[in-house]
Amino acid sequence: MAKRSTTIEAAEDACNPSILRAPLDTEHAGELARGFQALADPVRLRVLSMLADAPRGKVCVCDFVGPLGKSQPTVSHHLKILAEAGLVHGERRGKWVWYSLDRTRLTELRAAIGS
């Protein structure tokens, strides 16, 4: 009987991601949820894609308007949501803000759903 129990436990270990072995506390779950909620929008995913592909790692807010086909206030709204979720950082240069990815935060979200 012990052998069968060990086999079942091994099968369960193979199926369960590591996050299930260490339950999230309320605060950490809330942090992760804010990040995933920010990702749940096609425009914001496109913004992240553009930032990830930026040759210098930063993109001016004005450079998102044309490719996204959105007004500057709409683009700023999406960038604000991404910034509040910790996924991007803005740096003011004169009247424009330049944005970059927070790769550490993206790695944290990826790890939360990885095994």
Protein backbone atom coordinates (compact mmCIF):
# COMPACT_ATOMS: atom_id res chain seq x y z
CA MET A 1 0.00 0.00 0.00
CA ALA A 2 2.89 2.39 0.71
CA LYS A 3 4.15 2.05 -2.87
CA ARG A 4 0.77 3.08 -4.32
CA SER A 5 0.62 6.10 -2.00
CA THR A 6 4.09 7.22 -3.10
CA THR A 7 3.09 6.87 -6.75
CA ILE A 8 -0.01 9.00 -6.21
CA GLU A 9 2.02 11.67 -4.39
CA ALA A 10 4.58 11.72 -7.21
CA ALA A 11 1.83 12.12 -9.78
CA GLU A 12 0.29 14.98 -7.80
CA ASP A 13 3.68 16.69 -7.52
CA ALA A 14 4.09 16.48 -11.29
CA CYS A 15 0.67 18.05 -11.92
CA ASN A 16 0.65 20.84 -9.33
CA PRO A 17 2.61 24.01 -10.00
CA SER A 18 4.86 25.10 -7.17
CA ILE A 19 2.59 28.05 -6.35
CA LEU A 20 0.00 25.59 -5.00
CA ARG A 21 2.46 24.24 -2.46
CA ALA A 22 2.99 27.69 -0.98
CA PRO A 23 -0.38 29.44 -0.75
CA LEU A 24 -0.33 33.14 -1.52
CA ASP A 25 -1.11 35.53 1.27
CA THR A 26 -3.80 38.12 0.59
CA GLU A 27 -1.37 40.98 -0.03
CA HIS A 28 0.82 39.10 -2.54
CA ALA A 29 -2.25 37.73 -4.33
CA GLY A 30 -3.55 41.29 -4.67
CA GLU A 31 -0.23 42.49 -6.10
CA LEU A 32 -0.20 39.69 -8.65
CA ALA A 33 -3.83 40.31 -9.57
CA ARG A 34 -3.13 44.02 -10.27
CA GLY A 35 -0.34 42.98 -12.61
CA PHE A 36 -2.45 40.44 -14.45
CA GLN A 37 -5.40 42.84 -14.68
CA ALA A 38 -3.13 45.42 -16.29
CA LEU A 39 -2.07 42.81 -18.85
CA ALA A 40 -5.67 41.94 -19.72
CA ASP A 41 -6.03 44.58 -22.41
CA PRO A 42 -4.88 44.39 -26.05
CA VAL A 43 -3.62 47.99 -26.12
CA ARG A 44 -1.53 47.50 -23.00
CA LEU A 45 -0.10 44.25 -24.35
CA ARG A 46 0.90 46.10 -27.51
CA VAL A 47 2.53 48.84 -25.40
CA LEU A 48 4.57 46.22 -23.54
CA SER A 49 5.53 44.60 -26.83
CA MET A 50 6.72 47.94 -28.22
CA LEU A 51 8.73 48.63 -25.07
CA ALA A 52 10.28 45.17 -25.14
CA ASP A 53 11.36 45.77 -28.74
CA ALA A 54 12.61 49.34 -28.24
CA PRO A 55 16.25 49.62 -29.37
CA ARG A 56 17.20 51.92 -26.47
CA GLY A 57 14.79 50.32 -24.00
CA LYS A 58 12.70 53.48 -23.67
CA VAL A 59 9.85 54.93 -25.71
CA CYS A 60 8.42 58.45 -25.58
CA VAL A 61 4.70 58.58 -24.88
CA CYS A 62 4.29 60.52 -28.14
CA ASP A 63 5.71 57.58 -30.13
CA PHE A 64 2.88 55.25 -29.06
CA VAL A 65 0.07 57.37 -30.52
CA GLY A 66 0.54 56.56 -34.24
CA PRO A 67 1.26 52.83 -34.02
CA LEU A 68 -1.55 52.23 -31.52
CA GLY A 69 -4.06 54.41 -33.37
CA LYS A 70 -5.13 55.94 -30.06
CA SER A 71 -5.20 59.53 -28.85
CA GLN A 72 -2.45 60.76 -26.54
CA PRO A 73 -4.81 60.93 -23.51
CA THR A 74 -5.89 57.31 -24.15
CA VAL A 75 -2.28 56.17 -24.45
CA SER A 76 -1.42 58.02 -21.23
CA HIS A 77 -4.34 56.32 -19.49
CA HIS A 78 -3.04 52.87 -20.48
CA LEU A 79 0.51 53.77 -19.45
CA LYS A 80 -0.80 54.97 -16.08
CA ILE A 81 -2.46 51.60 -15.49
CA LEU A 82 0.73 49.78 -16.45
CA ALA A 83 2.77 52.04 -14.16
CA GLU A 84 0.39 51.53 -11.22
CA ALA A 85 0.79 47.78 -11.72
CA GLY A 86 4.57 48.23 -11.61
CA LEU A 87 5.05 47.00 -15.17
CA VAL A 88 6.52 50.21 -16.60
CA HIS A 89 8.40 53.24 -15.31
CA GLY A 90 8.15 56.77 -16.64
CA GLU A 91 10.89 59.36 -16.74
CA ARG A 92 9.91 62.96 -17.48
CA ARG A 93 12.13 64.78 -19.98
CA GLY A 94 10.78 68.26 -20.56
CA LYS A 95 7.14 68.00 -21.58
CA TRP A 96 7.35 64.30 -22.55
CA VAL A 97 7.57 61.13 -20.52
CA TRP A 98 9.76 58.24 -21.64
CA TYR A 99 8.67 54.76 -20.58
CA SER A 100 10.62 51.56 -19.97
CA LEU A 101 9.67 48.05 -18.90
CA ASP A 102 10.14 46.76 -15.40
CA ARG A 103 11.54 43.40 -16.40
CA THR A 104 11.79 42.27 -12.79
CA ARG A 105 8.04 42.73 -12.33
CA LEU A 106 7.32 40.84 -15.57
CA THR A 107 9.56 38.02 -14.37
CA GLU A 108 7.64 37.93 -11.07
CA LEU A 109 4.31 37.57 -12.89
CA ARG A 110 5.73 34.91 -15.18
CA ALA A 111 7.06 32.99 -12.17
CA ALA A 112 3.66 33.09 -10.47
CA ILE A 113 2.10 31.07 -13.25
CA GLY A 114 5.15 28.93 -14.01
CA SER A 115 5.84 25.57 -12.48
